[in-house]
């Protein structure tokens, strides 16, 4: 290579890196998710998916240049100058990244935590840390042209303070077999990530309309770092689930409401509408998920009143 071409190559490389670093100065968090979560968002425990603006490089087709998000396969890879990923401005906020199992697929979410909630929504957060634990779900892990099946895949969360630096802080977790197997390695769970501790016993049950039983006298239990409770409606039918989880997206006791409209694709291009209206709660005390709800929402009250009316009507016949 001649000195002239070498000089030009070096110059353009420096310019490219400078532009990328200048771009990073405006953004604080990587902002993307695995494609499967586009139709399975309720599994994230986050209230909403940000509107998709990203179209391949920073800012393209984005009316708000400082907010980007996309469902991308490469979201599970490490962001870099050669793997440019969507980013979001999050000044003074918190960056989040999670590894979860969605419909049997090992998946990831990254972003500015506030972007996953409505504007001006008071988002509660606990300690900013990286925590992980084994789930009871098996997962298919797809990474670097490699597919592997992992039993009881390890899932986890990393919360970090957003800051304008050379690399967003939510770039620790990756989709690969080492993370899924809970291995500590350079390309696995790092030394600053800890296993979930402080295990508690939680009620475990499920009721979907008239199937299953989640009565307060149910005596089946599971053990986890957090107890979970989901109450509401799925396609107009009562849904109630209680169980346990190795981590909590907000890392603090909380309840959030989730309204989600999606479509289930079938063969023949048939689209089946899916509507979810639930309250999802996380708590950290022994059997703390036993109460029907920390707060009664309109849907739950309607269900109670309709049940009472049906009982009165049945007794009067």
C-alpha atoms as a PDB file:
ATOM      1  CA  UNK A   1       0.000   0.000   0.000  1.00  0.00           C
ATOM      2  CA  UNK A   2       1.457   3.405  -0.990  1.00  0.00           C
ATOM      3  CA  UNK A   3       2.055   6.099   1.586  1.00  0.00           C
ATOM      4  CA  UNK A   4      -0.703   8.190  -0.034  1.00  0.00           C
ATOM      5  CA  UNK A   5      -3.386   5.489   0.322  1.00  0.00           C
ATOM      6  CA  UNK A   6      -2.195   4.598   3.797  1.00  0.00           C
ATOM      7  CA  UNK A   7      -2.438   8.254   4.833  1.00  0.00           C
ATOM      8  CA  UNK A   8      -5.988   8.536   3.433  1.00  0.00           C
ATOM      9  CA  UNK A   9      -7.031   5.313   5.159  1.00  0.00           C
ATOM     10  CA  UNK A  10      -5.636   6.567   8.463  1.00  0.00           C
ATOM     11  CA  UNK A  11      -7.298   9.958   8.041  1.00  0.00           C
ATOM     12  CA  UNK A  12     -10.746   8.523   7.264  1.00  0.00           C
ATOM     13  CA  UNK A  13     -10.432   6.073  10.159  1.00  0.00           C
ATOM     14  CA  UNK A  14      -9.701   8.914  12.563  1.00  0.00           C
ATOM     15  CA  UNK A  15     -12.610  10.938  11.168  1.00  0.00           C
ATOM     16  CA  UNK A  16     -14.966   7.945  11.461  1.00  0.00           C
ATOM     17  CA  UNK A  17     -13.998   7.266  15.054  1.00  0.00           C
ATOM     18  CA  UNK A  18     -14.279  10.964  15.905  1.00  0.00           C
ATOM     19  CA  UNK A  19     -17.771  11.153  14.406  1.00  0.00           C
ATOM     20  CA  UNK A  20     -18.827   8.030  16.300  1.00  0.00           C
ATOM     21  CA  UNK A  21     -17.450   9.415  19.572  1.00  0.00           C
ATOM     22  CA  UNK A  22     -19.170  12.717  18.867  1.00  0.00           C
ATOM     23  CA  UNK A  23     -22.416  10.831  18.351  1.00  0.00           C
ATOM     24  CA  UNK A  24     -21.948   8.970  21.632  1.00  0.00           C
ATOM     25  CA  UNK A  25     -21.546  12.296  23.429  1.00  0.00           C
ATOM     26  CA  UNK A  26     -25.266  12.940  22.796  1.00  0.00           C
ATOM     27  CA  UNK A  27     -26.477   9.473  23.759  1.00  0.00           C
ATOM     28  CA  UNK A  28     -26.278   7.579  27.037  1.00  0.00           C
ATOM     29  CA  UNK A  29     -27.891   4.128  26.640  1.00  0.00           C
ATOM     30  CA  UNK A  30     -28.026   1.456  23.953  1.00  0.00           C
ATOM     31  CA  UNK A  31     -31.697   1.098  23.050  1.00  0.00           C
ATOM     32  CA  UNK A  32     -32.988  -2.084  21.391  1.00  0.00           C
ATOM     33  CA  UNK A  33     -34.562  -5.495  21.984  1.00  0.00           C
ATOM     34  CA  UNK A  34     -34.692  -8.974  20.459  1.00  0.00           C
ATOM     35  CA  UNK A  35     -37.260  -9.213  17.604  1.00  0.00           C
ATOM     36  CA  UNK A  36     -39.386 -11.865  19.351  1.00  0.00           C
ATOM     37  CA  UNK A  37     -40.235  -9.356  22.089  1.00  0.00           C
ATOM     38  CA  UNK A  38     -42.180  -7.260  19.601  1.00  0.00           C
ATOM     39  CA  UNK A  39     -45.091  -9.689  20.071  1.00  0.00           C
ATOM     40  CA  UNK A  40     -44.135 -10.926  23.563  1.00  0.00           C
ATOM     41  CA  UNK A  41     -43.479  -7.620  25.320  1.00  0.00           C
ATOM     42  CA  UNK A  42     -45.469  -8.531  28.435  1.00  0.00           C
ATOM     43  CA  UNK A  43     -42.675 -10.951  29.350  1.00  0.00           C
ATOM     44  CA  UNK A  44     -40.276  -8.060  29.977  1.00  0.00           C
ATOM     45  CA  UNK A  45     -42.168  -6.684  32.977  1.00  0.00           C
ATOM     46  CA  UNK A  46     -41.820  -3.191  31.467  1.00  0.00           C
ATOM     47  CA  UNK A  47     -44.876  -1.073  30.809  1.00  0.00           C
ATOM     48  CA  UNK A  48     -44.417  -0.248  27.123  1.00  0.00           C
ATOM     49  CA  UNK A  49     -42.111  -0.665  24.156  1.00  0.00           C
ATOM     50  CA  UNK A  50     -40.718   2.631  22.830  1.00  0.00           C
ATOM     51  CA  UNK A  51     -41.813   3.695  19.361  1.00  0.00           C
ATOM     52  CA  UNK A  52     -39.391   2.354  16.767  1.00  0.00           C
ATOM     53  CA  UNK A  53     -37.361   5.123  15.127  1.00  0.00           C
ATOM     54  CA  UNK A  54     -34.045   3.498  14.286  1.00  0.00           C
ATOM     55  CA  UNK A  55     -33.600   2.451  10.643  1.00  0.00           C
ATOM     56  CA  UNK A  56     -30.027   1.240  10.359  1.00  0.00           C
ATOM     57  CA  UNK A  57     -27.837   4.096  11.514  1.00  0.00           C
ATOM     58  CA  UNK A  58     -28.044   6.798  14.138  1.00  0.00           C
ATOM     59  CA  UNK A  59     -30.887   9.230  13.599  1.00  0.00           C
ATOM     60  CA  UNK A  60     -32.164   8.083  10.180  1.00  0.00           C
ATOM     61  CA  UNK A  61     -35.881   8.817   9.852  1.00  0.00           C
ATOM     62  CA  UNK A  62     -36.025   9.890  13.482  1.00  0.00           C
ATOM     63  CA  UNK A  63     -37.959  13.121  14.187  1.00  0.00           C
ATOM     64  CA  UNK A  64     -36.515  13.091  17.711  1.00  0.00           C
ATOM     65  CA  UNK A  65     -32.808  12.621  17.057  1.00  0.00           C
ATOM     66  CA  UNK A  66     -32.064  11.871  20.713  1.00  0.00           C
ATOM     67  CA  UNK A  67     -34.500   8.957  21.077  1.00  0.00           C
ATOM     68  CA  UNK A  68     -33.993   5.703  19.173  1.00  0.00           C
ATOM     69  CA  UNK A  69     -35.207   2.132  19.578  1.00  0.00           C
ATOM     70  CA  UNK A  70     -35.486  -0.958  17.399  1.00  0.00           C
ATOM     71  CA  UNK A  71     -36.092  -4.698  17.513  1.00  0.00           C
ATOM     72  CA  UNK A  72     -32.829  -6.131  16.152  1.00  0.00           C
ATOM     73  CA  UNK A  73     -31.105  -9.517  16.120  1.00  0.00           C
ATOM     74  CA  UNK A  74     -27.760  -7.802  16.706  1.00  0.00           C
ATOM     75  CA  UNK A  75     -29.073  -6.235  19.924  1.00  0.00           C
ATOM     76  CA  UNK A  76     -27.623  -9.279  21.692  1.00  0.00           C
ATOM     77  CA  UNK A  77     -24.125  -8.396  20.481  1.00  0.00           C
ATOM     78  CA  UNK A  78     -21.739  -5.809  21.900  1.00  0.00           C
ATOM     79  CA  UNK A  79     -22.187  -2.359  20.395  1.00  0.00           C
ATOM     80  CA  UNK A  80     -19.137  -0.852  18.696  1.00  0.00           C
ATOM     81  CA  UNK A  81     -17.978   1.281  15.764  1.00  0.00           C
ATOM     82  CA  UNK A  82     -18.524  -1.737  13.504  1.00  0.00           C
ATOM     83  CA  UNK A  83     -21.805  -2.788  15.115  1.00  0.00           C
ATOM     84  CA  UNK A  84     -23.675   0.493  15.447  1.00  0.00           C
ATOM     85  CA  UNK A  85     -26.833   0.039  17.513  1.00  0.00           C
ATOM     86  CA  UNK A  86     -29.714   2.386  18.367  1.00  0.00           C
ATOM     87  CA  UNK A  87     -29.031   4.698  21.297  1.00  0.00           C
ATOM     88  CA  UNK A  88     -31.188   6.953  23.455  1.00  0.00           C
ATOM     89  CA  UNK A  89     -30.506  10.160  25.355  1.00  0.00           C
ATOM     90  CA  UNK A  90     -31.112   9.545  29.060  1.00  0.00           C
ATOM     91  CA  UNK A  91     -29.596  12.511  30.875  1.00  0.00           C
ATOM     92  CA  UNK A  92     -29.691  11.963  34.635  1.00  0.00           C
ATOM     93  CA  UNK A  93     -31.540   8.676  34.188  1.00  0.00           C
ATOM     94  CA  UNK A  94     -30.860   4.966  34.427  1.00  0.00           C
ATOM     95  CA  UNK A  95     -29.825   2.560  31.662  1.00  0.00           C
ATOM     96  CA  UNK A  96     -31.214  -0.971  31.776  1.00  0.00           C
ATOM     97  CA  UNK A  97     -30.357  -4.266  30.087  1.00  0.00           C
ATOM     98  CA  UNK A  98     -32.013  -7.623  30.727  1.00  0.00           C
ATOM     99  CA  UNK A  99     -31.543 -11.193  29.563  1.00  0.00           C
ATOM    100  CA  UNK A 100     -34.813 -13.146  29.647  1.00  0.00           C
ATOM    101  CA  UNK A 101     -36.445 -16.189  28.077  1.00  0.00           C
ATOM    102  CA  UNK A 102     -39.351 -15.334  25.792  1.00  0.00           C
ATOM    103  CA  UNK A 103     -41.360 -18.131  24.209  1.00  0.00           C
ATOM    104  CA  UNK A 104     -38.352 -20.434  24.535  1.00  0.00           C
ATOM    105  CA  UNK A 105     -35.901 -17.954  22.947  1.00  0.00           C
ATOM    106  CA  UNK A 106     -33.026 -16.347  24.885  1.00  0.00           C
ATOM    107  CA  UNK A 107     -33.690 -12.608  24.472  1.00  0.00           C
ATOM    108  CA  UNK A 108     -32.369  -9.197  25.482  1.00  0.00           C
ATOM    109  CA  UNK A 109     -33.703  -5.694  26.193  1.00  0.00           C
ATOM    110  CA  UNK A 110     -31.590  -2.533  26.422  1.00  0.00           C
ATOM    111  CA  UNK A 111     -32.564   1.104  26.853  1.00  0.00           C
ATOM    112  CA  UNK A 112     -33.130   4.164  28.976  1.00  0.00           C
ATOM    113  CA  UNK A 113     -35.435   2.957  31.763  1.00  0.00           C
ATOM    114  CA  UNK A 114     -37.698   6.007  31.492  1.00  0.00           C
ATOM    115  CA  UNK A 115     -38.333   5.233  27.800  1.00  0.00           C
ATOM    116  CA  UNK A 116     -40.284   2.124  28.833  1.00  0.00           C
ATOM    117  CA  UNK A 117     -42.857   4.201  30.730  1.00  0.00           C
ATOM    118  CA  UNK A 118     -45.190   7.081  29.800  1.00  0.00           C
ATOM    119  CA  UNK A 119     -43.784  10.637  30.012  1.00  0.00           C
ATOM    120  CA  UNK A 120     -43.665  12.070  33.555  1.00  0.00           C
ATOM    121  CA  UNK A 121     -44.357   8.603  35.000  1.00  0.00           C
ATOM    122  CA  UNK A 122     -42.587   8.294  38.405  1.00  0.00           C
ATOM    123  CA  UNK A 123     -40.421   5.221  37.770  1.00  0.00           C
ATOM    124  CA  UNK A 124     -39.264   3.637  41.054  1.00  0.00           C
ATOM    125  CA  UNK A 125     -35.838   1.995  41.042  1.00  0.00           C
ATOM    126  CA  UNK A 126     -33.806   0.103  43.612  1.00  0.00           C
ATOM    127  CA  UNK A 127     -30.055  -0.435  43.745  1.00  0.00           C
ATOM    128  CA  UNK A 128     -28.174   0.069  40.488  1.00  0.00           C
ATOM    129  CA  UNK A 129     -26.500  -3.318  40.136  1.00  0.00           C
ATOM    130  CA  UNK A 130     -26.061  -6.407  37.988  1.00  0.00           C
ATOM    131  CA  UNK A 131     -27.813  -9.523  39.286  1.00  0.00           C
ATOM    132  CA  UNK A 132     -28.616 -12.919  37.786  1.00  0.00           C
ATOM    133  CA  UNK A 133     -30.093 -16.304  38.628  1.00  0.00           C
ATOM    134  CA  UNK A 134     -31.317 -19.565  37.120  1.00  0.00           C
ATOM    135  CA  UNK A 135     -34.846 -19.599  35.732  1.00  0.00           C
ATOM    136  CA  UNK A 136     -37.159 -22.584  35.406  1.00  0.00           C
ATOM    137  CA  UNK A 137     -37.315 -22.058  31.625  1.00  0.00           C
ATOM    138  CA  UNK A 138     -35.346 -23.839  28.922  1.00  0.00           C
ATOM    139  CA  UNK A 139     -34.052 -21.663  26.094  1.00  0.00           C
ATOM    140  CA  UNK A 140     -32.713 -21.788  22.566  1.00  0.00           C
ATOM    141  CA  UNK A 141     -29.646 -19.539  22.383  1.00  0.00           C
ATOM    142  CA  UNK A 142     -28.787 -18.131  18.944  1.00  0.00           C
ATOM    143  CA  UNK A 143     -25.447 -16.310  18.674  1.00  0.00           C
ATOM    144  CA  UNK A 144     -22.555 -15.987  16.192  1.00  0.00           C
ATOM    145  CA  UNK A 145     -24.085 -18.515  13.771  1.00  0.00           C
ATOM    146  CA  UNK A 146     -24.370 -20.976  16.653  1.00  0.00           C
ATOM    147  CA  UNK A 147     -27.552 -22.474  18.086  1.00  0.00           C
ATOM    148  CA  UNK A 148     -27.589 -24.199  21.466  1.00  0.00           C
ATOM    149  CA  UNK A 149     -30.322 -25.494  23.769  1.00  0.00           C
ATOM    150  CA  UNK A 150     -29.841 -24.639  27.458  1.00  0.00           C
ATOM    151  CA  UNK A 151     -31.917 -26.063  30.302  1.00  0.00           C
ATOM    152  CA  UNK A 152     -32.976 -23.722  33.114  1.00  0.00           C
ATOM    153  CA  UNK A 153     -31.357 -20.779  31.377  1.00  0.00           C
ATOM    154  CA  UNK A 154     -29.796 -18.077  33.527  1.00  0.00           C
ATOM    155  CA  UNK A 155     -31.525 -14.701  33.288  1.00  0.00           C
ATOM    156  CA  UNK A 156     -30.513 -11.366  34.733  1.00  0.00           C
ATOM    157  CA  UNK A 157     -30.594  -7.615  34.949  1.00  0.00           C
ATOM    158  CA  UNK A 158     -28.119  -4.744  34.936  1.00  0.00           C
ATOM    159  CA  UNK A 159     -29.079  -1.216  35.989  1.00  0.00           C
ATOM    160  CA  UNK A 160     -26.492   1.566  35.685  1.00  0.00           C
ATOM    161  CA  UNK A 161     -26.328   5.349  35.847  1.00  0.00           C
ATOM    162  CA  UNK A 162     -26.570   6.957  32.422  1.00  0.00           C
ATOM    163  CA  UNK A 163     -23.578   9.141  31.606  1.00  0.00           C
ATOM    164  CA  UNK A 164     -22.097  10.706  28.501  1.00  0.00           C
ATOM    165  CA  UNK A 165     -18.975   8.663  28.007  1.00  0.00           C
ATOM    166  CA  UNK A 166     -17.191   6.735  25.260  1.00  0.00           C
ATOM    167  CA  UNK A 167     -19.469   3.706  25.603  1.00  0.00           C
ATOM    168  CA  UNK A 168     -22.976   3.422  27.117  1.00  0.00           C
ATOM    169  CA  UNK A 169     -22.939   1.483  30.381  1.00  0.00           C
ATOM    170  CA  UNK A 170     -25.674  -1.003  29.355  1.00  0.00           C
ATOM    171  CA  UNK A 171     -23.276  -3.044  27.240  1.00  0.00           C
ATOM    172  CA  UNK A 172     -22.434  -5.814  29.737  1.00  0.00           C
ATOM    173  CA  UNK A 173     -24.908  -8.541  28.831  1.00  0.00           C
ATOM    174  CA  UNK A 174     -24.782 -10.577  25.631  1.00  0.00           C
ATOM    175  CA  UNK A 175     -26.782 -13.368  24.058  1.00  0.00           C
ATOM    176  CA  UNK A 176     -24.474 -16.387  24.141  1.00  0.00           C
ATOM    177  CA  UNK A 177     -24.249 -19.811  25.772  1.00  0.00           C
ATOM    178  CA  UNK A 178     -21.976 -18.622  28.609  1.00  0.00           C
ATOM    179  CA  UNK A 179     -24.528 -16.123  29.857  1.00  0.00           C
ATOM    180  CA  UNK A 180     -27.344 -18.653  29.413  1.00  0.00           C
ATOM    181  CA  UNK A 181     -25.388 -21.235  31.447  1.00  0.00           C
ATOM    182  CA  UNK A 182     -24.554 -18.750  34.213  1.00  0.00           C
ATOM    183  CA  UNK A 183     -20.809 -18.889  33.604  1.00  0.00           C
ATOM    184  CA  UNK A 184     -18.474 -16.179  34.850  1.00  0.00           C
ATOM    185  CA  UNK A 185     -16.054 -15.332  32.032  1.00  0.00           C
ATOM    186  CA  UNK A 186     -14.765 -12.452  29.914  1.00  0.00           C
ATOM    187  CA  UNK A 187     -17.726 -12.992  27.582  1.00  0.00           C
ATOM    188  CA  UNK A 188     -20.036 -14.218  30.365  1.00  0.00           C
ATOM    189  CA  UNK A 189     -21.266 -12.831  33.688  1.00  0.00           C
ATOM    190  CA  UNK A 190     -18.592 -10.422  34.932  1.00  0.00           C
ATOM    191  CA  UNK A 191     -17.195 -10.144  38.478  1.00  0.00           C
ATOM    192  CA  UNK A 192     -19.381  -7.092  39.133  1.00  0.00           C
ATOM    193  CA  UNK A 193     -22.515  -9.216  38.561  1.00  0.00           C
ATOM    194  CA  UNK A 194     -23.793 -11.182  41.538  1.00  0.00           C
ATOM    195  CA  UNK A 195     -26.083 -14.160  41.933  1.00  0.00           C
ATOM    196  CA  UNK A 196     -29.547 -13.399  43.279  1.00  0.00           C
ATOM    197  CA  UNK A 197     -29.716 -13.852  47.052  1.00  0.00           C
ATOM    198  CA  UNK A 198     -32.144 -13.287  49.914  1.00  0.00           C
ATOM    199  CA  UNK A 199     -34.488 -16.027  48.727  1.00  0.00           C
ATOM    200  CA  UNK A 200     -38.108 -15.980  49.912  1.00  0.00           C
ATOM    201  CA  UNK A 201     -40.981 -18.446  49.699  1.00  0.00           C
ATOM    202  CA  UNK A 202     -43.817 -17.368  47.402  1.00  0.00           C
ATOM    203  CA  UNK A 203     -47.288 -18.644  46.561  1.00  0.00           C
ATOM    204  CA  UNK A 204     -47.390 -20.364  43.174  1.00  0.00           C
ATOM    205  CA  UNK A 205     -50.608 -20.787  41.191  1.00  0.00           C
ATOM    206  CA  UNK A 206     -52.399 -19.820  38.000  1.00  0.00           C
ATOM    207  CA  UNK A 207     -55.993 -19.215  36.997  1.00  0.00           C
ATOM    208  CA  UNK A 208     -57.136 -18.439  33.443  1.00  0.00           C
ATOM    209  CA  UNK A 209     -60.849 -17.656  33.386  1.00  0.00           C
ATOM    210  CA  UNK A 210     -62.491 -20.745  34.945  1.00  0.00           C
ATOM    211  CA  UNK A 211     -59.441 -22.991  34.573  1.00  0.00           C
ATOM    212  CA  UNK A 212     -56.979 -23.411  37.420  1.00  0.00           C
ATOM    213  CA  UNK A 213     -57.151 -22.194  40.996  1.00  0.00           C
ATOM    214  CA  UNK A 214     -55.482 -19.229  42.679  1.00  0.00           C
ATOM    215  CA  UNK A 215     -57.632 -19.050  45.815  1.00  0.00           C
ATOM    216  CA  UNK A 216     -55.875 -17.593  48.843  1.00  0.00           C
ATOM    217  CA  UNK A 217     -55.999 -21.021  50.511  1.00  0.00           C
ATOM    218  CA  UNK A 218     -53.837 -22.603  47.782  1.00  0.00           C
ATOM    219  CA  UNK A 219     -50.774 -24.174  49.402  1.00  0.00           C
ATOM    220  CA  UNK A 220     -48.270 -24.572  46.582  1.00  0.00           C
ATOM    221  CA  UNK A 221     -45.030 -22.611  46.789  1.00  0.00           C
ATOM    222  CA  UNK A 222     -41.809 -21.724  44.983  1.00  0.00           C
ATOM    223  CA  UNK A 223     -38.604 -20.010  46.084  1.00  0.00           C
ATOM    224  CA  UNK A 224     -37.003 -16.971  44.459  1.00  0.00           C
ATOM    225  CA  UNK A 225     -35.420 -13.579  45.025  1.00  0.00           C
ATOM    226  CA  UNK A 226     -38.788 -11.916  44.338  1.00  0.00           C
ATOM    227  CA  UNK A 227     -42.418 -12.970  44.628  1.00  0.00           C
ATOM    228  CA  UNK A 228     -44.597 -12.079  41.646  1.00  0.00           C
ATOM    229  CA  UNK A 229     -48.288 -11.461  41.226  1.00  0.00           C
ATOM    230  CA  UNK A 230     -50.153 -10.785  37.984  1.00  0.00           C
ATOM    231  CA  UNK A 231     -53.867  -9.992  37.997  1.00  0.00           C
ATOM    232  CA  UNK A 232     -56.099  -8.730  35.196  1.00  0.00           C
ATOM    233  CA  UNK A 233     -57.596  -9.760  31.878  1.00  0.00           C
ATOM    234  CA  UNK A 234     -56.368 -11.591  28.794  1.00  0.00           C
ATOM    235  CA  UNK A 235     -58.761 -11.183  25.855  1.00  0.00           C
ATOM    236  CA  UNK A 236     -61.514 -10.260  28.309  1.00  0.00           C
ATOM    237  CA  UNK A 237     -60.976 -13.338  30.483  1.00  0.00           C
ATOM    238  CA  UNK A 238     -59.773 -13.219  34.059  1.00  0.00           C
ATOM    239  CA  UNK A 239     -56.067 -13.980  34.477  1.00  0.00           C
ATOM    240  CA  UNK A 240     -54.321 -14.523  37.790  1.00  0.00           C
ATOM    241  CA  UNK A 241     -50.779 -15.784  38.316  1.00  0.00           C
ATOM    242  CA  UNK A 242     -48.536 -15.940  41.364  1.00  0.00           C
ATOM    243  CA  UNK A 243     -44.975 -17.189  41.458  1.00  0.00           C
ATOM    244  CA  UNK A 244     -41.339 -16.236  41.916  1.00  0.00           C
ATOM    245  CA  UNK A 245     -38.547 -14.637  39.891  1.00  0.00           C
ATOM    246  CA  UNK A 246     -34.729 -14.434  40.140  1.00  0.00           C
ATOM    247  CA  UNK A 247     -34.846 -10.684  39.417  1.00  0.00           C
ATOM    248  CA  UNK A 248     -37.149  -7.683  39.118  1.00  0.00           C
ATOM    249  CA  UNK A 249     -36.771  -5.136  36.256  1.00  0.00           C
ATOM    250  CA  UNK A 250     -37.062  -2.194  38.667  1.00  0.00           C
ATOM    251  CA  UNK A 251     -35.127  -3.918  41.484  1.00  0.00           C
ATOM    252  CA  UNK A 252     -37.579  -2.629  44.090  1.00  0.00           C
ATOM    253  CA  UNK A 253     -41.052  -3.544  45.385  1.00  0.00           C
ATOM    254  CA  UNK A 254     -43.514  -2.158  42.879  1.00  0.00           C
ATOM    255  CA  UNK A 255     -46.701  -2.643  40.881  1.00  0.00           C
ATOM    256  CA  UNK A 256     -47.211  -1.486  37.312  1.00  0.00           C
ATOM    257  CA  UNK A 257     -50.180  -1.715  34.966  1.00  0.00           C
ATOM    258  CA  UNK A 258     -49.658  -3.098  31.471  1.00  0.00           C
ATOM    259  CA  UNK A 259     -52.048  -2.502  28.555  1.00  0.00           C
ATOM    260  CA  UNK A 260     -50.911  -4.383  25.480  1.00  0.00           C
ATOM    261  CA  UNK A 261     -52.605  -4.952  22.119  1.00  0.00           C
ATOM    262  CA  UNK A 262     -50.852  -7.365  19.755  1.00  0.00           C
ATOM    263  CA  UNK A 263     -51.550  -9.984  17.100  1.00  0.00           C
ATOM    264  CA  UNK A 264     -50.765 -13.683  17.019  1.00  0.00           C
ATOM    265  CA  UNK A 265     -49.774 -14.859  13.536  1.00  0.00           C
ATOM    266  CA  UNK A 266     -51.063 -18.171  12.215  1.00  0.00           C
ATOM    267  CA  UNK A 267     -50.496 -20.119   8.996  1.00  0.00           C
ATOM    268  CA  UNK A 268     -52.361 -18.624   6.065  1.00  0.00           C
ATOM    269  CA  UNK A 269     -51.614 -15.048   7.201  1.00  0.00           C
ATOM    270  CA  UNK A 270     -54.397 -15.203   9.786  1.00  0.00           C
ATOM    271  CA  UNK A 271     -53.936 -12.603  12.549  1.00  0.00           C
ATOM    272  CA  UNK A 272     -55.524 -13.288  15.928  1.00  0.00           C
ATOM    273  CA  UNK A 273     -55.846 -10.151  18.096  1.00  0.00           C
ATOM    274  CA  UNK A 274     -54.481 -10.383  21.627  1.00  0.00           C
ATOM    275  CA  UNK A 275     -55.371  -7.883  24.359  1.00  0.00           C
ATOM    276  CA  UNK A 276     -53.732  -7.847  27.764  1.00  0.00           C
ATOM    277  CA  UNK A 277     -54.790  -5.603  30.658  1.00  0.00           C
ATOM    278  CA  UNK A 278     -52.986  -6.538  33.862  1.00  0.00           C
ATOM    279  CA  UNK A 279     -51.388  -5.299  37.042  1.00  0.00           C
ATOM    280  CA  UNK A 280     -47.979  -6.890  37.660  1.00  0.00           C
ATOM    281  CA  UNK A 281     -46.388  -6.728  41.105  1.00  0.00           C
ATOM    282  CA  UNK A 282     -43.041  -7.690  42.644  1.00  0.00           C
ATOM    283  CA  UNK A 283     -42.464  -7.979  46.393  1.00  0.00           C
ATOM    284  CA  UNK A 284     -39.674  -9.370  48.568  1.00  0.00           C
ATOM    285  CA  UNK A 285     -41.319 -10.697  51.745  1.00  0.00           C
ATOM    286  CA  UNK A 286     -42.206 -14.259  52.703  1.00  0.00           C
ATOM    287  CA  UNK A 287     -45.401 -15.223  50.815  1.00  0.00           C
ATOM    288  CA  UNK A 288     -46.012 -11.517  50.148  1.00  0.00           C
ATOM    289  CA  UNK A 289     -47.885 -12.284  46.913  1.00  0.00           C
ATOM    290  CA  UNK A 290     -50.918 -13.707  48.689  1.00  0.00           C
ATOM    291  CA  UNK A 291     -53.165 -10.620  48.702  1.00  0.00           C
ATOM    292  CA  UNK A 292     -55.424 -10.187  45.681  1.00  0.00           C
ATOM    293  CA  UNK A 293     -53.833  -6.853  44.785  1.00  0.00           C
ATOM    294  CA  UNK A 294     -51.778  -4.076  46.300  1.00  0.00           C
ATOM    295  CA  UNK A 295     -54.165  -1.666  44.615  1.00  0.00           C
ATOM    296  CA  UNK A 296     -57.596  -2.344  43.131  1.00  0.00           C
ATOM    297  CA  UNK A 297     -57.905  -1.221  39.553  1.00  0.00           C
ATOM    298  CA  UNK A 298     -61.147  -0.707  37.647  1.00  0.00           C
ATOM    299  CA  UNK A 299     -60.970  -4.060  35.878  1.00  0.00           C
ATOM    300  CA  UNK A 300     -60.581  -5.996  39.120  1.00  0.00           C
ATOM    301  CA  UNK A 301     -63.498  -4.171  40.749  1.00  0.00           C
ATOM    302  CA  UNK A 302     -65.677  -4.882  37.690  1.00  0.00           C
ATOM    303  CA  UNK A 303     -64.772  -8.559  37.943  1.00  0.00           C
ATOM    304  CA  UNK A 304     -65.677  -8.696  41.654  1.00  0.00           C
ATOM    305  CA  UNK A 305     -69.009  -6.908  41.161  1.00  0.00           C
ATOM    306  CA  UNK A 306     -69.946  -9.052  38.148  1.00  0.00           C
ATOM    307  CA  UNK A 307     -69.152 -12.218  40.141  1.00  0.00           C
ATOM    308  CA  UNK A 308     -71.329 -11.051  43.052  1.00  0.00           C
ATOM    309  CA  UNK A 309     -74.165 -10.179  40.653  1.00  0.00           C
ATOM    310  CA  UNK A 310     -73.927 -13.593  38.975  1.00  0.00           C
ATOM    311  CA  UNK A 311     -74.066 -15.323  42.379  1.00  0.00           C
ATOM    312  CA  UNK A 312     -77.124 -13.327  43.463  1.00  0.00           C
ATOM    313  CA  UNK A 313     -78.838 -14.082  40.147  1.00  0.00           C
ATOM    314  CA  UNK A 314     -78.104 -17.800  40.489  1.00  0.00           C
ATOM    315  CA  UNK A 315     -79.500 -17.920  44.035  1.00  0.00           C
ATOM    316  CA  UNK A 316     -82.678 -16.108  43.013  1.00  0.00           C
ATOM    317  CA  UNK A 317     -83.535 -18.608  40.263  1.00  0.00           C
END
